[in-house]
N, C-alpha and C. Protein backbone atom coordinates (compact mmCIF):
# COMPACT_ATOMS: atom_id res chain seq x y z
N MET A 1 12.57 -35.52 5.99
CA MET A 1 11.59 -34.24 5.21
C MET A 1 11.03 -33.50 6.31
N PRO A 2 11.08 -32.27 6.84
CA PRO A 2 10.46 -31.46 7.55
C PRO A 2 9.03 -31.48 7.67
N ARG A 3 8.31 -31.41 8.91
CA ARG A 3 7.06 -31.65 8.70
C ARG A 3 6.34 -29.97 8.47
N PHE A 4 6.82 -29.02 9.09
CA PHE A 4 6.95 -28.02 8.70
C PHE A 4 7.87 -26.81 7.75
N SER A 5 7.32 -26.20 7.25
CA SER A 5 8.60 -25.14 6.53
C SER A 5 7.40 -23.85 6.57
N ILE A 6 8.46 -22.69 7.55
CA ILE A 6 8.01 -21.52 7.92
C ILE A 6 8.72 -20.81 6.52
N ILE A 7 7.62 -20.18 6.26
CA ILE A 7 8.75 -19.06 5.19
C ILE A 7 7.88 -18.20 5.53
N ILE A 8 9.28 -16.76 5.38
CA ILE A 8 8.81 -15.64 5.91
C ILE A 8 9.34 -14.22 4.97
N PRO A 9 8.72 -14.25 3.79
CA PRO A 9 9.09 -12.95 2.94
C PRO A 9 9.37 -11.49 3.29
N THR A 10 10.06 -11.23 3.60
CA THR A 10 10.44 -9.59 3.87
C THR A 10 10.87 -8.54 2.38
N TYR A 11 10.53 -7.50 3.07
CA TYR A 11 10.14 -6.31 2.21
C TYR A 11 10.96 -5.27 2.86
N LEU A 12 10.00 -3.98 2.87
CA LEU A 12 10.89 -3.09 3.50
C LEU A 12 11.15 -3.57 4.64
N ASN A 13 10.45 -3.98 5.82
CA ASN A 13 10.61 -4.17 7.27
C ASN A 13 11.74 -4.52 7.58
N ASN A 14 12.15 -4.36 8.72
CA ASN A 14 13.33 -5.19 9.81
C ASN A 14 12.67 -6.48 10.02
N PRO A 15 13.24 -7.84 9.83
CA PRO A 15 12.86 -9.48 10.40
C PRO A 15 12.95 -9.28 11.35
N THR A 16 13.82 -8.38 12.12
CA THR A 16 14.34 -9.17 13.47
C THR A 16 13.88 -9.35 14.48
N GLU A 17 13.09 -9.14 14.84
CA GLU A 17 11.91 -9.32 15.88
C GLU A 17 10.94 -10.14 15.52
N CYS A 18 10.65 -10.06 14.41
CA CYS A 18 9.74 -11.77 13.90
C CYS A 18 10.53 -12.97 14.27
N LEU A 19 11.93 -13.14 13.48
CA LEU A 19 12.55 -14.26 13.51
C LEU A 19 13.00 -14.41 14.73
N LYS A 20 13.21 -13.41 15.70
CA LYS A 20 13.83 -13.99 17.00
C LYS A 20 12.08 -14.56 17.58
N SER A 21 11.32 -13.77 17.48
CA SER A 21 9.91 -14.92 18.24
C SER A 21 9.72 -15.85 18.29
N VAL A 22 10.23 -16.35 16.59
CA VAL A 22 9.89 -17.23 15.89
C VAL A 22 10.71 -18.78 16.51
N THR A 23 11.82 -18.06 16.45
CA THR A 23 12.85 -19.00 17.21
C THR A 23 13.05 -19.31 18.50
N GLN A 24 11.85 -18.26 19.16
CA GLN A 24 12.56 -18.54 20.90
C GLN A 24 10.90 -19.18 20.87
N TYR A 25 10.16 -19.32 20.42
CA TYR A 25 8.80 -20.01 20.52
C TYR A 25 8.68 -21.13 19.25
N THR A 26 9.59 -21.60 18.51
CA THR A 26 9.63 -22.95 17.73
C THR A 26 10.96 -23.74 17.22
N ASP A 27 10.55 -24.61 17.68
CA ASP A 27 11.89 -26.13 17.35
C ASP A 27 12.49 -25.81 16.10
N ILE A 28 13.70 -25.54 15.64
CA ILE A 28 13.54 -25.09 14.22
C ILE A 28 14.67 -26.34 13.86
N ASP A 29 14.28 -27.46 13.85
CA ASP A 29 14.93 -28.87 13.86
C ASP A 29 14.62 -29.56 12.34
N GLU A 30 14.83 -30.90 12.83
CA GLU A 30 14.71 -31.61 11.29
C GLU A 30 13.31 -31.57 11.26
N ASN A 31 12.23 -31.10 11.75
CA ASN A 31 10.44 -31.36 12.12
C ASN A 31 10.18 -29.94 11.48
N CYS A 32 11.21 -29.15 11.62
CA CYS A 32 10.28 -27.85 11.33
C CYS A 32 11.93 -27.26 10.47
N GLU A 33 11.48 -26.07 9.49
CA GLU A 33 12.76 -25.52 8.55
C GLU A 33 12.15 -24.19 8.57
N LEU A 34 13.46 -22.91 8.36
CA LEU A 34 13.09 -21.61 8.37
C LEU A 34 13.42 -21.18 7.49
N ILE A 35 13.16 -20.71 6.34
CA ILE A 35 13.16 -19.65 5.19
C ILE A 35 12.80 -18.21 4.83
N LEU A 36 14.01 -17.53 5.18
CA LEU A 36 14.06 -16.13 5.09
C LEU A 36 14.13 -15.51 3.26
N VAL A 37 12.92 -14.54 2.36
CA VAL A 37 12.81 -14.66 1.42
C VAL A 37 13.05 -13.17 1.02
N CYS A 38 14.28 -12.51 1.35
CA CYS A 38 14.56 -11.24 0.74
C CYS A 38 13.78 -10.76 -0.41
N ASN A 39 12.96 -10.28 -0.55
CA ASN A 39 12.63 -9.51 -1.78
C ASN A 39 12.76 -8.02 -1.96
N GLY A 40 13.97 -8.14 -2.39
CA GLY A 40 14.39 -6.13 -2.65
C GLY A 40 14.29 -5.78 -1.51
N ALA A 41 14.75 -6.36 -0.59
CA ALA A 41 15.15 -5.93 1.06
C ALA A 41 16.47 -4.95 1.61
N SER A 42 16.89 -4.37 2.20
CA SER A 42 17.93 -3.72 2.49
C SER A 42 19.39 -4.74 2.43
N PRO A 43 20.73 -4.50 1.91
CA PRO A 43 21.39 -5.89 1.45
C PRO A 43 21.90 -6.43 3.27
N GLU A 44 21.60 -5.53 4.41
CA GLU A 44 22.22 -6.18 5.61
C GLU A 44 20.79 -6.97 6.32
N THR A 45 19.49 -7.54 5.52
CA THR A 45 19.03 -7.87 5.90
C THR A 45 19.28 -9.66 6.14
N LYS A 46 19.91 -10.22 4.81
CA LYS A 46 20.29 -11.45 4.70
C LYS A 46 21.65 -11.86 5.67
N ASP A 47 21.97 -11.00 6.30
CA ASP A 47 23.44 -11.20 8.02
C ASP A 47 22.64 -11.25 9.10
N ILE A 48 21.00 -11.09 9.13
CA ILE A 48 20.36 -11.49 10.20
C ILE A 48 20.36 -12.56 10.60
N PRO A 49 19.93 -13.44 9.91
CA PRO A 49 19.94 -14.94 11.00
C PRO A 49 21.04 -15.09 11.36
N ALA A 50 22.13 -14.80 10.35
CA ALA A 50 23.36 -15.19 11.50
C ALA A 50 24.13 -14.40 12.19
N GLN A 51 23.27 -13.23 12.35
CA GLN A 51 23.99 -12.46 13.37
C GLN A 51 23.58 -13.04 14.99
N LEU A 52 21.89 -13.46 14.73
CA LEU A 52 21.09 -13.85 15.54
C LEU A 52 21.00 -15.56 15.81
N GLY A 53 22.38 -16.36 14.88
CA GLY A 53 22.63 -17.72 14.82
C GLY A 53 21.52 -18.44 15.18
N ILE A 54 20.46 -17.58 14.14
CA ILE A 54 19.29 -18.29 14.00
C ILE A 54 19.77 -19.39 12.78
N PRO A 55 19.45 -20.84 12.29
CA PRO A 55 18.99 -21.55 11.12
C PRO A 55 18.31 -21.36 10.61
N ALA A 56 18.37 -20.98 9.12
CA ALA A 56 18.15 -20.58 7.75
C ALA A 56 17.97 -20.58 6.79
N THR A 57 17.77 -20.59 6.00
CA THR A 57 17.92 -20.70 4.31
C THR A 57 17.53 -19.20 3.82
N ILE A 58 18.37 -18.47 2.91
CA ILE A 58 17.93 -17.28 2.56
C ILE A 58 17.90 -17.43 1.15
N ILE A 59 16.83 -16.77 0.70
CA ILE A 59 16.70 -16.61 -0.60
C ILE A 59 16.64 -15.39 -1.25
N TRP A 60 18.16 -14.64 -1.95
CA TRP A 60 17.83 -13.31 -2.09
C TRP A 60 17.68 -12.62 -3.44
N PHE A 61 16.53 -11.46 -3.45
CA PHE A 61 16.16 -10.94 -4.65
C PHE A 61 16.48 -9.28 -4.63
N ASP A 62 18.01 -9.62 -5.44
CA ASP A 62 18.11 -8.04 -5.42
C ASP A 62 16.99 -6.82 -6.03
N GLN A 63 16.14 -7.20 -6.53
CA GLN A 63 14.83 -6.10 -6.28
C GLN A 63 13.34 -6.69 -6.34
N PRO A 64 12.38 -6.18 -5.81
CA PRO A 64 11.25 -6.15 -5.17
C PRO A 64 10.62 -7.48 -6.10
N GLN A 65 9.87 -8.45 -5.97
CA GLN A 65 9.61 -9.43 -7.31
C GLN A 65 8.06 -9.87 -6.78
N GLY A 66 7.59 -9.32 -5.49
CA GLY A 66 6.34 -9.15 -4.99
C GLY A 66 5.92 -10.13 -3.79
N PHE A 67 4.94 -9.98 -3.49
CA PHE A 67 4.38 -11.03 -2.55
C PHE A 67 4.61 -12.48 -3.03
N ALA A 68 3.38 -12.82 -4.14
CA ALA A 68 3.12 -13.77 -4.24
C ALA A 68 3.98 -14.65 -4.85
N HIS A 69 5.18 -13.94 -5.87
CA HIS A 69 6.27 -14.27 -6.14
C HIS A 69 7.38 -14.76 -5.36
N ALA A 70 7.44 -14.14 -4.34
CA ALA A 70 8.61 -14.63 -3.39
C ALA A 70 8.08 -15.75 -1.79
N CYS A 71 6.52 -15.78 -2.41
CA CYS A 71 6.11 -17.31 -1.64
C CYS A 71 6.35 -18.29 -1.97
N ASN A 72 5.98 -18.02 -3.35
CA ASN A 72 6.00 -19.34 -4.31
C ASN A 72 7.61 -19.92 -4.49
N VAL A 73 8.25 -18.55 -4.34
CA VAL A 73 9.59 -19.28 -4.66
C VAL A 73 10.11 -20.00 -3.32
N GLY A 74 9.93 -19.27 -1.78
CA GLY A 74 10.04 -19.86 -0.72
C GLY A 74 9.43 -20.95 -0.65
N ILE A 75 8.26 -21.34 -1.06
CA ILE A 75 7.54 -22.70 -1.59
C ILE A 75 8.07 -23.30 -1.67
N LYS A 76 8.57 -23.09 -3.16
CA LYS A 76 9.54 -24.47 -4.12
C LYS A 76 10.88 -24.91 -3.53
N GLU A 77 11.08 -23.95 -2.42
CA GLU A 77 12.51 -24.34 -1.96
C GLU A 77 12.31 -25.12 -0.59
N SER A 78 10.81 -25.11 -0.48
CA SER A 78 11.14 -25.41 1.09
C SER A 78 10.60 -26.97 0.97
N SER A 79 9.89 -27.79 1.72
CA SER A 79 10.19 -29.10 1.44
C SER A 79 8.76 -30.09 2.82
N GLY A 80 9.02 -29.28 3.47
CA GLY A 80 7.83 -29.70 4.55
C GLY A 80 6.57 -29.76 4.22
N GLU A 81 5.97 -30.85 4.80
CA GLU A 81 4.31 -30.90 4.09
C GLU A 81 3.27 -30.05 4.23
N LEU A 82 3.61 -29.27 5.09
CA LEU A 82 2.79 -28.15 5.91
C LEU A 82 3.28 -26.79 5.58
N VAL A 83 3.26 -25.95 4.89
CA VAL A 83 3.64 -24.54 5.01
C VAL A 83 3.62 -23.50 5.46
N CYS A 84 3.78 -22.84 6.41
CA CYS A 84 3.33 -21.47 7.42
C CYS A 84 3.45 -20.34 6.13
N LEU A 85 2.52 -19.36 6.47
CA LEU A 85 3.53 -17.94 5.83
C LEU A 85 3.30 -17.14 6.72
N LEU A 86 4.46 -16.62 7.11
CA LEU A 86 4.29 -15.45 8.46
C LEU A 86 4.90 -14.43 7.81
N ASN A 87 4.46 -13.06 7.97
CA ASN A 87 4.55 -11.86 7.49
C ASN A 87 5.62 -11.59 8.21
N ASP A 88 6.52 -10.61 7.89
CA ASP A 88 8.34 -10.50 8.37
C ASP A 88 7.88 -9.64 9.80
N ASP A 89 6.63 -8.90 9.67
CA ASP A 89 6.38 -7.82 10.73
C ASP A 89 5.45 -8.74 12.16
N CYS A 90 5.19 -9.81 11.38
CA CYS A 90 4.34 -10.48 13.33
C CYS A 90 5.36 -10.80 14.17
N THR A 91 5.09 -10.74 15.55
CA THR A 91 5.56 -11.37 16.51
C THR A 91 5.29 -11.85 17.59
N LEU A 92 5.60 -13.11 17.13
CA LEU A 92 4.48 -14.11 18.44
C LEU A 92 4.43 -13.78 19.85
N LEU A 93 3.52 -14.26 20.38
CA LEU A 93 3.28 -13.40 21.89
C LEU A 93 3.98 -14.45 22.71
N PRO A 94 4.28 -14.77 23.65
CA PRO A 94 4.93 -16.05 24.45
C PRO A 94 3.80 -16.97 25.17
N GLN A 95 4.61 -17.95 24.70
CA GLN A 95 4.14 -19.33 24.89
C GLN A 95 5.03 -20.40 24.81
N GLU A 96 4.44 -22.03 25.17
CA GLU A 96 5.07 -22.91 25.08
C GLU A 96 5.70 -23.11 23.64
N LYS A 97 7.23 -23.77 23.53
CA LYS A 97 7.48 -24.06 22.19
C LYS A 97 6.99 -25.07 21.34
N ASN A 98 6.52 -24.36 19.44
CA ASN A 98 5.48 -25.00 18.83
C ASN A 98 4.09 -24.88 19.53
N HIS A 99 3.93 -24.01 20.00
CA HIS A 99 1.89 -23.95 20.24
C HIS A 99 1.85 -23.45 19.38
N TRP A 100 2.20 -22.11 18.98
CA TRP A 100 1.78 -22.31 17.79
C TRP A 100 1.03 -22.68 16.80
N LEU A 101 2.08 -23.51 15.84
CA LEU A 101 2.42 -24.27 15.08
C LEU A 101 1.31 -25.41 15.47
N ASN A 102 1.47 -25.61 16.31
CA ASN A 102 0.41 -26.74 16.87
C ASN A 102 -0.77 -26.32 16.95
N LEU A 103 -1.39 -25.08 17.17
CA LEU A 103 -2.54 -25.10 16.81
C LEU A 103 -2.82 -24.82 15.33
N LEU A 104 -2.04 -24.44 14.23
CA LEU A 104 -2.53 -24.25 12.99
C LEU A 104 -2.63 -25.33 12.70
N SER A 105 -1.63 -26.22 12.91
CA SER A 105 -1.94 -27.49 12.35
C SER A 105 -2.87 -28.24 12.93
N ALA A 106 -3.34 -28.09 13.98
CA ALA A 106 -4.42 -29.45 14.60
C ALA A 106 -5.57 -29.63 13.17
N PRO A 107 -5.92 -28.90 12.38
CA PRO A 107 -7.20 -28.95 11.32
C PRO A 107 -7.35 -30.15 10.23
N PHE A 108 -5.26 -29.63 10.40
CA PHE A 108 -5.25 -30.67 9.57
C PHE A 108 -5.11 -32.75 9.20
N ASP A 109 -6.10 -32.77 10.77
CA ASP A 109 -5.68 -33.85 10.89
C ASP A 109 -6.65 -34.77 10.04
N ASP A 110 -7.83 -33.57 9.45
CA ASP A 110 -8.96 -33.78 8.90
C ASP A 110 -8.25 -33.63 7.35
N PRO A 111 -8.21 -34.47 6.20
CA PRO A 111 -7.72 -34.75 5.00
C PRO A 111 -7.95 -33.14 4.35
N GLN A 112 -9.63 -32.86 4.51
CA GLN A 112 -10.39 -32.31 3.90
C GLN A 112 -9.69 -30.59 3.32
N VAL A 113 -9.22 -30.92 5.20
CA VAL A 113 -7.98 -28.72 5.06
C VAL A 113 -7.47 -28.87 4.06
N GLY A 114 -7.42 -27.68 3.76
CA GLY A 114 -6.33 -27.01 2.58
C GLY A 114 -5.42 -25.84 3.39
N ILE A 115 -6.33 -25.03 4.34
CA ILE A 115 -5.95 -23.28 4.63
C ILE A 115 -6.24 -23.52 6.19
N THR A 116 -5.25 -23.07 7.00
CA THR A 116 -5.69 -22.54 8.22
C THR A 116 -5.09 -21.25 8.59
N GLY A 117 -5.44 -20.53 9.65
CA GLY A 117 -4.61 -19.43 9.70
C GLY A 117 -5.24 -18.31 11.24
N SER A 118 -4.68 -17.44 11.57
CA SER A 118 -5.11 -16.66 12.40
C SER A 118 -6.45 -15.61 12.51
N HIS A 119 -6.58 -15.42 11.49
CA HIS A 119 -7.79 -14.63 11.02
C HIS A 119 -8.56 -14.71 9.65
N LYS A 120 -9.78 -14.53 9.60
CA LYS A 120 -10.41 -14.76 8.63
C LYS A 120 -11.18 -13.85 8.47
N LEU A 121 -11.56 -13.30 7.08
CA LEU A 121 -12.29 -12.09 6.97
C LEU A 121 -13.50 -12.56 5.53
N TRP A 122 -14.24 -11.91 5.27
CA TRP A 122 -15.31 -12.16 4.36
C TRP A 122 -14.82 -11.26 3.03
N ASP A 123 -14.88 -12.02 1.93
CA ASP A 123 -14.87 -10.78 0.53
C ASP A 123 -16.01 -10.55 -0.50
N GLU A 124 -16.62 -9.61 -0.01
CA GLU A 124 -17.50 -9.30 -0.62
C GLU A 124 -17.59 -9.73 -2.76
N ASP A 125 -16.36 -9.48 -2.73
CA ASP A 125 -16.48 -9.83 -4.40
C ASP A 125 -16.88 -11.40 -4.94
N THR A 126 -16.44 -12.17 -3.86
CA THR A 126 -16.42 -13.65 -4.08
C THR A 126 -17.71 -14.61 -3.19
N GLN A 127 -18.08 -13.29 -2.06
CA GLN A 127 -19.29 -13.97 -1.57
C GLN A 127 -18.68 -15.00 -0.80
N HIS A 128 -17.33 -15.32 -0.22
CA HIS A 128 -16.56 -16.04 0.80
C HIS A 128 -15.82 -15.56 1.83
N GLU A 129 -15.20 -16.54 2.48
CA GLU A 129 -14.75 -16.09 3.42
C GLU A 129 -13.01 -16.58 3.17
N PHE A 130 -12.48 -15.99 3.48
CA PHE A 130 -10.96 -16.59 3.61
C PHE A 130 -9.80 -15.95 4.65
N ILE A 131 -8.95 -16.88 4.41
CA ILE A 131 -7.59 -16.84 5.73
C ILE A 131 -6.85 -15.80 5.07
N ILE A 132 -6.78 -14.62 6.20
CA ILE A 132 -5.55 -13.99 5.85
C ILE A 132 -4.12 -14.22 6.17
N PHE A 133 -3.12 -14.27 4.97
CA PHE A 133 -2.30 -14.55 4.73
C PHE A 133 -0.85 -14.17 5.40
N PHE A 134 -1.25 -13.13 6.59
CA PHE A 134 -0.19 -12.65 7.08
C PHE A 134 0.37 -13.25 7.93
N CYS A 135 -0.54 -14.57 8.27
CA CYS A 135 -0.45 -16.31 9.37
C CYS A 135 -1.05 -17.53 8.92
N ALA A 136 -0.52 -17.62 8.01
CA ALA A 136 -1.90 -19.04 7.12
C ALA A 136 -0.58 -20.15 7.26
N MET A 137 -1.37 -21.54 7.82
CA MET A 137 -0.68 -22.58 7.13
C MET A 137 -1.37 -22.93 5.74
N LEU A 138 -0.90 -23.88 5.17
CA LEU A 138 -1.37 -24.74 3.89
C LEU A 138 -0.73 -25.72 3.65
N ARG A 139 -1.53 -27.06 3.19
CA ARG A 139 -1.40 -28.05 2.76
C ARG A 139 -0.26 -27.82 1.40
N ARG A 140 0.98 -28.62 1.74
CA ARG A 140 1.37 -28.76 0.64
C ARG A 140 1.05 -29.22 -0.86
N THR A 141 0.05 -30.09 -0.81
CA THR A 141 -0.58 -30.67 -1.82
C THR A 141 -1.13 -29.75 -2.25
N MET A 142 -1.67 -29.04 -1.61
CA MET A 142 -3.22 -28.28 -1.90
C MET A 142 -2.58 -27.40 -2.17
N ILE A 143 -1.44 -26.38 -2.26
CA ILE A 143 -0.67 -25.30 -3.17
C ILE A 143 -0.26 -26.29 -4.22
N GLU A 144 0.49 -27.52 -4.34
CA GLU A 144 0.65 -27.72 -5.64
C GLU A 144 -0.47 -27.98 -6.87
N GLN A 145 -1.50 -28.28 -6.42
CA GLN A 145 -3.01 -28.51 -6.89
C GLN A 145 -3.13 -27.00 -7.33
N GLN A 146 -3.00 -26.07 -6.52
CA GLN A 146 -3.85 -24.98 -7.17
C GLN A 146 -2.66 -23.72 -7.76
N GLY A 147 -1.17 -25.19 -8.11
CA GLY A 147 -0.50 -23.98 -8.79
C GLY A 147 0.23 -22.75 -8.25
N GLY A 148 0.10 -22.16 -6.77
CA GLY A 148 0.94 -21.77 -5.98
C GLY A 148 0.52 -20.42 -5.86
N LEU A 149 0.62 -19.59 -5.65
CA LEU A 149 -0.37 -18.07 -5.37
C LEU A 149 -0.41 -17.49 -6.73
N ASP A 150 -1.39 -16.85 -7.00
CA ASP A 150 -1.18 -16.36 -8.16
C ASP A 150 -0.22 -15.00 -8.36
N GLU A 151 0.41 -14.51 -8.88
CA GLU A 151 1.37 -13.75 -9.11
C GLU A 151 0.68 -12.46 -10.04
N SER A 152 -0.03 -12.96 -10.70
CA SER A 152 -0.53 -11.93 -11.64
C SER A 152 -2.03 -10.81 -10.86
N LEU A 153 -2.06 -11.01 -9.35
CA LEU A 153 -2.14 -9.83 -8.63
C LEU A 153 -1.58 -8.63 -7.81
N SER A 154 0.13 -9.18 -8.18
CA SER A 154 1.14 -8.45 -7.61
C SER A 154 0.96 -6.97 -8.09
N PRO A 155 1.35 -5.72 -7.79
CA PRO A 155 1.95 -5.65 -6.48
C PRO A 155 0.91 -5.43 -5.92
N PHE A 156 -0.77 -5.75 -6.16
CA PHE A 156 -1.64 -5.01 -5.16
C PHE A 156 -1.69 -6.29 -3.89
N TYR A 157 -2.77 -6.99 -3.83
CA TYR A 157 -3.09 -7.86 -2.89
C TYR A 157 -4.07 -9.01 -3.64
N GLY A 158 -4.73 -10.12 -3.02
CA GLY A 158 -5.75 -10.96 -3.54
C GLY A 158 -5.29 -12.25 -3.61
N GLU A 159 -4.22 -12.67 -3.12
CA GLU A 159 -3.18 -13.72 -3.19
C GLU A 159 -3.93 -15.08 -2.67
N ASP A 160 -4.72 -14.36 -1.33
CA ASP A 160 -4.91 -15.01 -0.50
C ASP A 160 -6.71 -15.29 -1.00
N ILE A 161 -7.16 -14.16 -0.99
CA ILE A 161 -8.65 -14.65 -1.28
C ILE A 161 -8.70 -15.74 -1.99
N THR A 162 -7.84 -15.73 -3.68
CA THR A 162 -7.87 -16.54 -4.62
C THR A 162 -7.72 -17.82 -4.19
N MET A 163 -6.37 -17.85 -3.18
CA MET A 163 -6.21 -19.29 -2.99
C MET A 163 -6.93 -20.22 -2.69
N CYS A 164 -7.83 -19.08 -1.26
CA CYS A 164 -8.79 -19.98 -0.38
C CYS A 164 -10.27 -20.23 -1.81
């Protein structure tokens, strides 16, 4: 079982640059799997990983299903103990291989940690901080306890707020 599952939901954006940067700065191997969830994307999107020589699992939906549903399906297909949700318009900056995964996963040495990420904000409605899910890592057991991302919030936003 891999330690990391990187899930990239894609809708209207071309994920080429994201995929290139992930594979350039990440060892996609027995310790890390990559899942691209094509969520009503253009037909040629499913061919991008093969064209780039990137080992990836492709999940295809002809029609948009919403961010939360796309992520939940990717999570169910994945097997890593730590799940990284990464938006398709993110591009990793130059770094050593796996540095970004090591930074995100370091706090999980504490068994109380369920979510880490690259950016957090304050939500006035809940009066709590939350990690923005454009680049977030979640502990699988925590996701399972929460029942996944809240799909009732689609097509708007707030999945990250409610999960945090």
